């Protein structure tokens, strides 16, 4: 037995796959050739993931265009001029905007689970995007004949379906990516947007049984793209009390890159409910240096001073390549960091007598 340890999701894509995506977009290779590249990348990722000793793996999100846009990729009811997400280094990511209803997913994440399970020999975790992130698709000026409340009802239905299909397909657990939670406080310091996000996600979570909720978690971080973040300058103390109002049982909390981890752990201790397990981030994907197992152990033991061992787990601060074209981290570095997390968690477990 050991403390549970899980990844967040994405692994940098192989150069051959990235080149194939460009070739497909230019019309130089066929769709079946691109699918073969996706399949090969998924198989290789799972093989290398298992070699790290990780007891839970993902498919590395090899065939996702990004962690946020996979459900809407290819929808014809979108326009390109949506919300802009600015990162600290000056680059931006832009979401599309919805121009007509009804809103429906083009892709459900269970398709990734199904493919991963063909190759995996250990349990597979699946990340899905939050309803709150996709709520940003609706334009401020509205859509004639498709009011916002109707859109939100459709969105909640689709978000539930996405999670439920993953559970039914046999995902070990489903992680809701909620990176926009911290960002919302930058966009709206009044906290009204954060409250709306929490309420919307709870509309989704409220549709699941207590047993199902044990297999559902929420991930929070300040974003991670091209070695930069979008909201690390927002005080965690503004987010965490609201975060733990979510009805999920598992929380994956970025912590390794925080400047004041003890302060953050104190906030977690004060606000997390007794039935919520906290997976603390012990690996910083934005740091090119590979953590040693001893460093991971140190971070785990610090967390154990605030969170009881039966409610404690470890994770990475963020995915290593949440957007498909992010090549800022090498695949080899990502797997080395994961291996350090696994070994370091085992060392800490022994030190805690687990």
Protein backbone atom coordinates (compact mmCIF):
# COMPACT_ATOMS: atom_id res chain seq x y z
CA UNK A 1 0.00 0.00 0.00
CA UNK A 2 1.07 3.57 -0.67
CA UNK A 3 -0.44 7.03 -0.83
CA UNK A 4 -2.46 7.28 -4.05
CA UNK A 5 -0.74 9.11 -6.88
CA UNK A 6 -2.27 10.15 -10.19
CA UNK A 7 -1.26 12.20 -13.23
CA UNK A 8 -3.25 15.21 -14.43
CA UNK A 9 -3.50 14.29 -18.10
CA UNK A 10 -1.45 15.55 -21.01
CA UNK A 11 1.98 14.43 -22.24
CA UNK A 12 3.86 16.29 -25.02
CA UNK A 13 3.08 14.81 -28.43
CA UNK A 14 5.81 13.13 -30.53
CA UNK A 15 7.30 15.25 -33.29
CA UNK A 16 6.02 12.81 -35.91
CA UNK A 17 2.44 13.33 -34.75
CA UNK A 18 2.80 17.12 -34.65
CA UNK A 19 4.17 17.08 -38.17
CA UNK A 20 1.31 14.82 -39.28
CA UNK A 21 -1.29 17.22 -37.88
CA UNK A 22 0.24 20.02 -39.95
CA UNK A 23 0.33 17.78 -43.03
CA UNK A 24 -3.33 16.81 -42.56
CA UNK A 25 -4.39 20.45 -42.19
CA UNK A 26 -2.58 21.21 -45.45
CA UNK A 27 -4.35 18.33 -47.21
CA UNK A 28 -1.18 16.34 -47.80
CA UNK A 29 -2.19 13.23 -45.85
CA UNK A 30 -5.55 11.48 -45.49
CA UNK A 31 -7.62 11.22 -42.31
CA UNK A 32 -6.84 7.53 -41.88
CA UNK A 33 -3.11 8.32 -41.97
CA UNK A 34 -3.57 10.90 -39.23
CA UNK A 35 -5.55 8.38 -37.18
CA UNK A 36 -2.67 5.92 -37.50
CA UNK A 37 -0.32 8.59 -36.10
CA UNK A 38 -2.71 9.28 -33.21
CA UNK A 39 -2.95 5.56 -32.51
CA UNK A 40 0.83 5.06 -32.56
CA UNK A 41 1.36 8.04 -30.25
CA UNK A 42 -1.27 6.78 -27.81
CA UNK A 43 0.23 3.29 -27.74
CA UNK A 44 3.77 4.62 -27.20
CA UNK A 45 2.60 7.05 -24.50
CA UNK A 46 0.83 4.33 -22.54
CA UNK A 47 3.82 2.00 -22.81
CA UNK A 48 6.16 4.68 -21.49
CA UNK A 49 3.64 5.81 -18.86
CA UNK A 50 3.45 2.29 -17.45
CA UNK A 51 7.25 2.07 -17.43
CA UNK A 52 7.34 4.93 -14.91
CA UNK A 53 5.58 2.67 -12.40
CA UNK A 54 2.55 4.93 -12.28
CA UNK A 55 -0.39 2.93 -10.84
CA UNK A 56 -2.86 5.13 -12.73
CA UNK A 57 -2.21 6.42 -16.25
CA UNK A 58 -3.81 8.51 -18.97
CA UNK A 59 -3.52 8.38 -22.75
CA UNK A 60 -1.51 11.60 -22.55
CA UNK A 61 -4.29 13.38 -24.46
CA UNK A 62 -2.44 12.52 -27.65
CA UNK A 63 -5.48 12.95 -29.91
CA UNK A 64 -7.03 15.93 -28.13
CA UNK A 65 -6.53 19.28 -29.91
CA UNK A 66 -6.48 20.80 -26.42
CA UNK A 67 -7.81 19.98 -22.97
CA UNK A 68 -10.57 22.57 -23.37
CA UNK A 69 -11.66 22.34 -27.03
CA UNK A 70 -11.90 18.57 -27.62
CA UNK A 71 -15.76 18.47 -27.25
CA UNK A 72 -16.29 21.23 -29.82
CA UNK A 73 -13.56 20.46 -32.33
CA UNK A 74 -15.16 20.47 -35.77
CA UNK A 75 -18.51 22.00 -34.76
CA UNK A 76 -19.93 24.16 -37.53
CA UNK A 77 -21.88 26.40 -35.13
CA UNK A 78 -18.75 28.22 -33.94
CA UNK A 79 -17.03 31.45 -34.91
CA UNK A 80 -13.35 32.19 -34.21
CA UNK A 81 -13.69 35.47 -32.27
CA UNK A 82 -14.26 34.24 -28.70
CA UNK A 83 -12.75 34.93 -25.28
CA UNK A 84 -9.00 35.61 -25.17
CA UNK A 85 -6.87 34.03 -22.40
CA UNK A 86 -3.68 36.07 -21.80
CA UNK A 87 -0.60 34.38 -20.35
CA UNK A 88 2.10 36.02 -18.27
CA UNK A 89 4.75 35.79 -21.01
CA UNK A 90 2.54 37.75 -23.44
CA UNK A 91 1.13 34.97 -25.59
CA UNK A 92 -2.60 34.29 -25.73
CA UNK A 93 -5.05 31.50 -26.47
CA UNK A 94 -8.42 32.30 -28.01
CA UNK A 95 -11.62 30.32 -27.56
CA UNK A 96 -14.24 30.17 -30.30
CA UNK A 97 -17.71 31.57 -29.77
CA UNK A 98 -21.08 29.93 -30.29
CA UNK A 99 -23.23 31.42 -33.03
CA UNK A 100 -26.24 29.07 -33.04
CA UNK A 101 -27.98 26.47 -30.88
CA UNK A 102 -28.72 23.91 -29.71
CA UNK A 103 -25.34 23.22 -28.13
CA UNK A 104 -24.07 19.66 -28.48
CA UNK A 105 -20.66 18.03 -28.07
CA UNK A 106 -18.99 16.79 -31.22
CA UNK A 107 -16.72 14.42 -29.25
CA UNK A 108 -17.18 12.73 -25.88
CA UNK A 109 -14.12 11.76 -23.85
CA UNK A 110 -15.14 8.11 -23.54
CA UNK A 111 -13.72 7.65 -27.03
CA UNK A 112 -10.27 8.31 -25.54
CA UNK A 113 -10.92 5.87 -22.70
CA UNK A 114 -11.93 3.15 -25.13
CA UNK A 115 -8.77 3.55 -27.20
CA UNK A 116 -6.50 3.75 -24.14
CA UNK A 117 -7.93 0.58 -22.62
CA UNK A 118 -6.91 -1.36 -25.72
CA UNK A 119 -3.26 -0.87 -24.73
CA UNK A 120 -3.28 -0.24 -20.96
CA UNK A 121 -2.46 -2.85 -18.33
CA UNK A 122 -3.28 -0.55 -15.39
CA UNK A 123 -6.33 1.63 -14.62
CA UNK A 124 -6.95 4.58 -16.94
CA UNK A 125 -7.90 8.06 -15.75
CA UNK A 126 -9.77 10.47 -18.00
CA UNK A 127 -9.79 14.27 -17.86
CA UNK A 128 -12.80 16.23 -19.11
CA UNK A 129 -13.37 19.94 -19.47
CA UNK A 130 -15.63 21.74 -17.01
CA UNK A 131 -19.04 23.11 -17.89
CA UNK A 132 -17.87 26.47 -16.57
CA UNK A 133 -15.05 26.69 -19.13
CA UNK A 134 -17.42 25.91 -21.99
CA UNK A 135 -19.92 28.46 -20.69
CA UNK A 136 -17.49 31.08 -22.01
CA UNK A 137 -18.53 30.06 -25.54
CA UNK A 138 -21.85 31.90 -25.23
CA UNK A 139 -21.65 35.48 -26.58
CA UNK A 140 -22.44 38.43 -24.33
CA UNK A 141 -24.91 39.79 -26.85
CA UNK A 142 -26.83 36.53 -26.83
CA UNK A 143 -28.06 34.32 -29.67
CA UNK A 144 -31.45 35.07 -31.27
CA UNK A 145 -33.86 32.23 -30.51
CA UNK A 146 -31.43 30.52 -28.13
CA UNK A 147 -31.39 32.22 -24.78
CA UNK A 148 -28.53 31.77 -22.31
CA UNK A 149 -30.53 29.67 -19.85
CA UNK A 150 -31.42 27.21 -22.60
CA UNK A 151 -27.75 27.05 -23.55
CA UNK A 152 -26.72 26.39 -19.92
CA UNK A 153 -29.32 23.63 -19.61
CA UNK A 154 -27.95 21.99 -22.76
CA UNK A 155 -24.39 22.46 -21.53
CA UNK A 156 -25.12 20.81 -18.16
CA UNK A 157 -26.73 17.89 -19.99
CA UNK A 158 -23.71 17.46 -22.27
CA UNK A 159 -21.18 17.81 -19.44
CA UNK A 160 -22.99 15.14 -17.42
CA UNK A 161 -23.09 12.87 -20.45
CA UNK A 162 -19.35 13.34 -21.02
CA UNK A 163 -18.52 12.27 -17.46
CA UNK A 164 -21.07 9.47 -17.30
CA UNK A 165 -19.93 7.90 -20.57
CA UNK A 166 -16.33 7.84 -19.27
CA UNK A 167 -17.41 6.13 -16.06
CA UNK A 168 -19.49 3.61 -17.98
CA UNK A 169 -16.60 2.93 -20.36
CA UNK A 170 -14.53 1.89 -17.35
CA UNK A 171 -12.43 4.94 -16.52
CA UNK A 172 -10.86 4.50 -13.09
CA UNK A 173 -11.79 8.10 -12.32
CA UNK A 174 -12.81 11.26 -14.13
CA UNK A 175 -11.08 14.57 -13.52
CA UNK A 176 -12.86 17.84 -14.30
CA UNK A 177 -10.36 20.47 -15.45
CA UNK A 178 -11.25 23.74 -13.71
CA UNK A 179 -8.22 25.92 -14.48
CA UNK A 180 -10.52 28.85 -15.25
CA UNK A 181 -11.49 29.02 -11.57
CA UNK A 182 -8.40 30.98 -10.54
CA UNK A 183 -8.49 32.98 -13.78
CA UNK A 184 -12.09 34.07 -13.06
CA UNK A 185 -10.86 36.15 -10.12
CA UNK A 186 -8.59 38.05 -12.48
CA UNK A 187 -11.41 38.61 -14.94
CA UNK A 188 -13.91 39.56 -12.22
CA UNK A 189 -12.50 40.51 -8.79
CA UNK A 190 -16.07 40.80 -7.45
CA UNK A 191 -16.12 36.95 -7.35
CA UNK A 192 -19.51 36.86 -9.10
CA UNK A 193 -18.03 34.95 -12.03
CA UNK A 194 -16.37 32.42 -9.72
CA UNK A 195 -19.66 31.89 -7.88
CA UNK A 196 -21.44 31.36 -11.20
CA UNK A 197 -18.76 28.84 -12.23
CA UNK A 198 -19.06 26.88 -8.96
CA UNK A 199 -22.86 26.88 -9.15
CA UNK A 200 -22.81 25.67 -12.76
CA UNK A 201 -20.36 22.85 -12.04
CA UNK A 202 -22.42 21.81 -9.04
CA UNK A 203 -25.46 21.54 -11.32
CA UNK A 204 -23.47 18.89 -13.18
CA UNK A 205 -22.06 17.16 -10.10
CA UNK A 206 -25.49 17.10 -8.46
CA UNK A 207 -26.62 14.61 -11.09
CA UNK A 208 -24.30 11.88 -9.79
CA UNK A 209 -24.79 9.46 -6.91
CA UNK A 210 -22.58 9.39 -3.83
CA UNK A 211 -20.89 6.27 -5.17
CA UNK A 212 -20.23 7.90 -8.54
CA UNK A 213 -18.86 11.04 -6.91
CA UNK A 214 -16.13 8.92 -5.30
CA UNK A 215 -14.73 8.50 -8.84
CA UNK A 216 -14.99 12.17 -9.82
CA UNK A 217 -12.47 14.92 -9.04
CA UNK A 218 -11.63 18.52 -9.86
CA UNK A 219 -8.27 19.92 -10.94
CA UNK A 220 -7.20 23.49 -10.23
CA UNK A 221 -4.07 25.32 -11.36
CA UNK A 222 -3.13 28.76 -12.71
CA UNK A 223 -2.92 27.43 -16.26
CA UNK A 224 0.14 25.98 -17.92
CA UNK A 225 1.10 26.65 -21.53
CA UNK A 226 4.50 27.21 -23.14
CA UNK A 227 6.08 27.41 -19.68
CA UNK A 228 3.80 30.27 -18.65
CA UNK A 229 0.62 30.69 -16.59
CA UNK A 230 -2.48 32.85 -16.83
CA UNK A 231 -3.32 33.42 -13.17
CA UNK A 232 -0.45 32.49 -10.84
CA UNK A 233 -0.54 36.08 -9.56
CA UNK A 234 -4.03 35.53 -8.13
CA UNK A 235 -3.95 34.72 -4.42
CA UNK A 236 -5.00 31.10 -3.84
CA UNK A 237 -6.80 32.30 -0.71
CA UNK A 238 -9.36 33.93 -3.00
CA UNK A 239 -10.13 30.64 -4.77
CA UNK A 240 -9.76 27.72 -2.38
CA UNK A 241 -12.71 28.35 -0.02
CA UNK A 242 -15.06 28.39 -3.04
CA UNK A 243 -13.28 25.46 -4.69
CA UNK A 244 -14.15 23.13 -1.83
CA UNK A 245 -17.82 24.04 -2.16
CA UNK A 246 -17.82 21.82 -5.24
CA UNK A 247 -19.51 18.46 -4.68
CA UNK A 248 -16.60 16.37 -5.94
CA UNK A 249 -14.74 14.00 -3.61
CA UNK A 250 -11.25 14.36 -5.09
CA UNK A 251 -9.26 17.55 -5.66
CA UNK A 252 -6.03 17.86 -7.63
CA UNK A 253 -4.36 21.04 -6.39
CA UNK A 254 -1.32 22.69 -7.97
CA UNK A 255 1.17 23.26 -5.16
CA UNK A 256 4.77 22.47 -6.17
CA UNK A 257 5.18 25.81 -7.95
CA UNK A 258 3.52 27.89 -5.22
CA UNK A 259 5.79 30.37 -3.45
CA UNK A 260 4.16 29.82 -0.05
CA UNK A 261 3.12 26.16 0.07
CA UNK A 262 2.66 26.10 3.85
CA UNK A 263 0.24 29.01 3.66
CA UNK A 264 -1.74 27.27 0.94
CA UNK A 265 -1.79 24.01 2.89
CA UNK A 266 -3.14 25.90 5.88
CA UNK A 267 -5.99 27.24 3.74
CA UNK A 268 -6.74 23.75 2.46
CA UNK A 269 -6.80 22.41 6.01
CA UNK A 270 -9.24 25.13 7.03
CA UNK A 271 -11.68 24.75 4.14
CA UNK A 272 -11.59 21.21 2.69
CA UNK A 273 -14.33 18.92 3.98
CA UNK A 274 -13.51 15.69 5.77
CA UNK A 275 -14.88 13.59 2.89
CA UNK A 276 -12.64 15.26 0.29
CA UNK A 277 -9.29 13.73 -0.71
CA UNK A 278 -6.57 16.21 -1.64
CA UNK A 279 -4.02 15.26 -4.29
CA UNK A 280 -1.27 17.84 -3.80
CA UNK A 281 0.94 18.84 -6.70
CA UNK A 282 4.51 17.66 -6.07
CA UNK A 283 5.83 18.08 -9.64
CA UNK A 284 6.16 21.41 -11.48
CA UNK A 285 5.73 20.77 -15.24
CA UNK A 286 6.93 24.30 -16.06
CA UNK A 287 10.32 23.76 -14.38
CA UNK A 288 12.75 22.10 -16.83
CA UNK A 289 14.64 20.53 -13.92
CA UNK A 290 13.52 17.01 -13.03
CA UNK A 291 12.62 16.74 -9.36
CA UNK A 292 14.42 14.09 -7.33
CA UNK A 293 12.36 11.46 -5.48
CA UNK A 294 13.75 12.95 -2.27
CA UNK A 295 12.37 16.38 -3.19
CA UNK A 296 8.98 14.82 -3.86
CA UNK A 297 9.14 13.01 -0.52
CA UNK A 298 9.89 16.32 1.21
CA UNK A 299 6.86 17.96 -0.40
CA UNK A 300 4.59 15.07 0.56
CA UNK A 301 5.73 15.06 4.18
CA UNK A 302 5.12 18.81 4.38
CA UNK A 303 1.57 18.30 3.10
CA UNK A 304 1.04 15.50 5.64
CA UNK A 305 1.53 18.03 8.42
CA UNK A 306 -1.74 19.66 7.31
CA UNK A 307 -3.73 16.86 5.65
CA UNK A 308 -4.21 13.45 7.26
CA UNK A 309 -2.65 10.55 5.38
CA UNK A 310 -6.01 8.88 4.70
CA UNK A 311 -7.09 12.01 2.79
CA UNK A 312 -3.79 12.71 1.04
CA UNK A 313 -2.58 11.88 -2.46
CA UNK A 314 -0.04 13.26 -4.93
CA UNK A 315 -0.21 14.54 -8.48
CA UNK A 316 1.49 16.88 -10.94
CA UNK A 317 0.70 20.59 -10.81
CA UNK A 318 -0.71 20.53 -14.34
CA UNK A 319 -0.63 18.55 -17.54
CA UNK A 320 2.64 18.71 -19.44
CA UNK A 321 1.07 19.85 -22.71
CA UNK A 322 -2.58 20.89 -22.25
CA UNK A 323 -2.62 22.45 -25.71
CA UNK A 324 -1.65 20.03 -28.45
CA UNK A 325 0.96 22.27 -30.07
CA UNK A 326 2.86 23.05 -26.86
CA UNK A 327 6.38 21.68 -27.26
CA UNK A 328 8.00 23.55 -24.36
CA UNK A 329 8.59 20.30 -22.45
CA UNK A 330 10.25 17.20 -23.91
CA UNK A 331 8.46 13.85 -23.64
CA UNK A 332 11.50 12.40 -21.90
CA UNK A 333 11.37 15.14 -19.26
CA UNK A 334 7.68 14.56 -18.63
CA UNK A 335 8.13 10.83 -18.05
CA UNK A 336 11.19 11.40 -15.85
CA UNK A 337 9.17 13.77 -13.68
CA UNK A 338 6.32 11.27 -13.42
CA UNK A 339 8.75 8.55 -12.37
CA UNK A 340 10.12 10.87 -9.67
CA UNK A 341 6.57 11.49 -8.42
CA UNK A 342 5.85 7.78 -8.19
CA UNK A 343 9.09 6.90 -6.39
CA UNK A 344 8.97 9.96 -4.14
CA UNK A 345 5.40 9.17 -3.12
CA UNK A 346 6.48 5.64 -2.20
CA UNK A 347 9.35 7.01 -0.09
CA UNK A 348 6.99 9.37 1.71
CA UNK A 349 4.49 6.57 2.26
CA UNK A 350 7.11 4.47 4.01
CA UNK A 351 8.16 7.44 6.10
CA UNK A 352 4.53 7.89 7.15
CA UNK A 353 4.21 4.21 7.99
CA UNK A 354 1.78 3.44 5.17
